[in-house]
């Protein structure tokens, strides 16, 4: 016959083993679910990256177009100033004669 203390210790150890096994299984299931969630989040972030690139590409092109138009406008202004100076110089030369 075993004494009552041995029975209590055996019951406590059995309950702890069962409890730890259940906790381990739940942790494993939670980690599997977390892995699925992280995979979905990664897919969403990849899609978001593609969308942001597809949106930013036309914006960059429009920005470059506007910058090119501004530079072209500056060049036209410079040419018109040069032409004005040439016309003024020609008028001054004709007036001096």
C-alpha atoms as a PDB file:
ATOM      1  CA  UNK A   1       0.000   0.000   0.000  1.00  0.00           C
ATOM      2  CA  UNK A   2       1.100   3.455  -0.770  1.00  0.00           C
ATOM      3  CA  UNK A   3       0.701   6.287   1.572  1.00  0.00           C
ATOM      4  CA  UNK A   4      -1.633   9.226   0.810  1.00  0.00           C
ATOM      5  CA  UNK A   5       1.240  11.660   0.155  1.00  0.00           C
ATOM      6  CA  UNK A   6       2.512   9.530  -2.756  1.00  0.00           C
ATOM      7  CA  UNK A   7      -0.978   9.389  -4.250  1.00  0.00           C
ATOM      8  CA  UNK A   8      -1.388  13.180  -3.969  1.00  0.00           C
ATOM      9  CA  UNK A   9       2.037  13.794  -5.549  1.00  0.00           C
ATOM     10  CA  UNK A  10       1.250  11.366  -8.380  1.00  0.00           C
ATOM     11  CA  UNK A  11      -2.113  13.052  -9.028  1.00  0.00           C
ATOM     12  CA  UNK A  12      -0.501  16.510  -8.969  1.00  0.00           C
ATOM     13  CA  UNK A  13       2.249  15.418 -11.381  1.00  0.00           C
ATOM     14  CA  UNK A  14      -0.323  13.812 -13.703  1.00  0.00           C
ATOM     15  CA  UNK A  15      -2.477  16.963 -13.692  1.00  0.00           C
ATOM     16  CA  UNK A  16       0.593  19.155 -14.350  1.00  0.00           C
ATOM     17  CA  UNK A  17       1.725  16.950 -17.247  1.00  0.00           C
ATOM     18  CA  UNK A  18      -1.751  17.059 -18.801  1.00  0.00           C
ATOM     19  CA  UNK A  19      -1.971  20.822 -18.255  1.00  0.00           C
ATOM     20  CA  UNK A  20       1.478  21.451 -19.766  1.00  0.00           C
ATOM     21  CA  UNK A  21       0.627  19.224 -22.731  1.00  0.00           C
ATOM     22  CA  UNK A  22      -2.589  21.161 -23.400  1.00  0.00           C
ATOM     23  CA  UNK A  23      -0.741  24.492 -23.053  1.00  0.00           C
ATOM     24  CA  UNK A  24       1.969  23.269 -25.446  1.00  0.00           C
ATOM     25  CA  UNK A  25      -0.638  22.243 -28.034  1.00  0.00           C
ATOM     26  CA  UNK A  26      -2.386  25.615 -27.741  1.00  0.00           C
ATOM     27  CA  UNK A  27       0.918  27.463 -28.117  1.00  0.00           C
ATOM     28  CA  UNK A  28       1.686  25.398 -31.215  1.00  0.00           C
ATOM     29  CA  UNK A  29      -1.746  26.196 -32.720  1.00  0.00           C
ATOM     30  CA  UNK A  30      -1.327  29.870 -31.903  1.00  0.00           C
ATOM     31  CA  UNK A  31       2.083  29.954 -33.570  1.00  0.00           C
ATOM     32  CA  UNK A  32       0.679  28.258 -36.683  1.00  0.00           C
ATOM     33  CA  UNK A  33      -2.104  30.850 -36.827  1.00  0.00           C
ATOM     34  CA  UNK A  34       0.462  33.624 -36.331  1.00  0.00           C
ATOM     35  CA  UNK A  35       2.484  32.221 -39.226  1.00  0.00           C
ATOM     36  CA  UNK A  36      -0.586  32.319 -41.499  1.00  0.00           C
ATOM     37  CA  UNK A  37      -1.341  35.865 -40.387  1.00  0.00           C
ATOM     38  CA  UNK A  38       2.223  36.991 -41.054  1.00  0.00           C
ATOM     39  CA  UNK A  39       2.116  35.403 -44.519  1.00  0.00           C
ATOM     40  CA  UNK A  40      -1.098  37.265 -45.315  1.00  0.00           C
ATOM     41  CA  UNK A  41       0.365  40.518 -43.968  1.00  0.00           C
ATOM     42  CA  UNK A  42       3.453  40.018 -46.138  1.00  0.00           C
ATOM     43  CA  UNK A  43       1.262  39.490 -49.199  1.00  0.00           C
ATOM     44  CA  UNK A  44      -0.713  42.631 -48.389  1.00  0.00           C
ATOM     45  CA  UNK A  45       2.486  44.647 -47.968  1.00  0.00           C
ATOM     46  CA  UNK A  46       3.820  43.341 -51.295  1.00  0.00           C
ATOM     47  CA  UNK A  47       0.578  44.365 -53.007  1.00  0.00           C
ATOM     48  CA  UNK A  48       0.717  47.763 -51.321  1.00  0.00           C
ATOM     49  CA  UNK A  49       4.280  48.190 -52.565  1.00  0.00           C
ATOM     50  CA  UNK A  50       3.173  47.437 -56.139  1.00  0.00           C
ATOM     51  CA  UNK A  51       0.271  49.870 -55.876  1.00  0.00           C
ATOM     52  CA  UNK A  52       2.456  52.650 -54.490  1.00  0.00           C
ATOM     53  CA  UNK A  53       5.005  52.118 -57.277  1.00  0.00           C
ATOM     54  CA  UNK A  54       2.297  52.163 -59.937  1.00  0.00           C
ATOM     55  CA  UNK A  55       0.899  55.396 -58.485  1.00  0.00           C
ATOM     56  CA  UNK A  56       4.247  57.101 -57.976  1.00  0.00           C
ATOM     57  CA  UNK A  57       5.559  56.345 -61.480  1.00  0.00           C
ATOM     58  CA  UNK A  58       3.061  58.609 -63.316  1.00  0.00           C
ATOM     59  CA  UNK A  59       3.489  61.299 -60.688  1.00  0.00           C
ATOM     60  CA  UNK A  60       7.252  61.279 -61.212  1.00  0.00           C
ATOM     61  CA  UNK A  61       6.736  61.443 -64.987  1.00  0.00           C
ATOM     62  CA  UNK A  62       4.365  64.393 -64.641  1.00  0.00           C
ATOM     63  CA  UNK A  63       6.838  66.111 -62.330  1.00  0.00           C
ATOM     64  CA  UNK A  64       9.626  65.588 -64.859  1.00  0.00           C
ATOM     65  CA  UNK A  65       7.368  66.943 -67.618  1.00  0.00           C
ATOM     66  CA  UNK A  66       6.586  70.073 -65.623  1.00  0.00           C
ATOM     67  CA  UNK A  67      10.257  70.550 -64.813  1.00  0.00           C
ATOM     68  CA  UNK A  68      11.104  70.179 -68.515  1.00  0.00           C
ATOM     69  CA  UNK A  69       8.444  72.745 -69.439  1.00  0.00           C
ATOM     70  CA  UNK A  70       9.859  75.165 -66.869  1.00  0.00           C
ATOM     71  CA  UNK A  71      13.361  74.716 -68.249  1.00  0.00           C
ATOM     72  CA  UNK A  72      12.028  75.183 -71.794  1.00  0.00           C
ATOM     73  CA  UNK A  73      10.250  78.348 -70.706  1.00  0.00           C
ATOM     74  CA  UNK A  74      13.477  79.650 -69.198  1.00  0.00           C
ATOM     75  CA  UNK A  75      15.293  78.918 -72.451  1.00  0.00           C
ATOM     76  CA  UNK A  76      12.603  80.720 -74.468  1.00  0.00           C
ATOM     77  CA  UNK A  77      12.822  83.729 -72.125  1.00  0.00           C
ATOM     78  CA  UNK A  78      16.584  83.799 -72.543  1.00  0.00           C
ATOM     79  CA  UNK A  79      16.325  83.648 -76.348  1.00  0.00           C
ATOM     80  CA  UNK A  80      13.662  86.383 -76.383  1.00  0.00           C
ATOM     81  CA  UNK A  81      15.890  88.644 -74.238  1.00  0.00           C
ATOM     82  CA  UNK A  82      18.801  88.070 -76.607  1.00  0.00           C
ATOM     83  CA  UNK A  83      16.584  88.896 -79.592  1.00  0.00           C
ATOM     84  CA  UNK A  84      15.338  92.059 -77.858  1.00  0.00           C
ATOM     85  CA  UNK A  85      18.899  93.169 -77.214  1.00  0.00           C
ATOM     86  CA  UNK A  86      19.850  92.521 -80.845  1.00  0.00           C
ATOM     87  CA  UNK A  87      16.818  94.477 -82.077  1.00  0.00           C
ATOM     88  CA  UNK A  88      17.595  97.348 -79.669  1.00  0.00           C
ATOM     89  CA  UNK A  89      21.234  97.383 -80.750  1.00  0.00           C
ATOM     90  CA  UNK A  90      20.179  97.441 -84.421  1.00  0.00           C
ATOM     91  CA  UNK A  91      17.784 100.339 -83.731  1.00  0.00           C
ATOM     92  CA  UNK A  92      20.565 102.243 -81.929  1.00  0.00           C
ATOM     93  CA  UNK A  93      22.982 101.679 -84.801  1.00  0.00           C
ATOM     94  CA  UNK A  94      20.372 102.865 -87.344  1.00  0.00           C
ATOM     95  CA  UNK A  95      19.606 105.961 -85.242  1.00  0.00           C
ATOM     96  CA  UNK A  96      23.327 106.841 -85.005  1.00  0.00           C
ATOM     97  CA  UNK A  97      23.669 106.896 -88.792  1.00  0.00           C
END
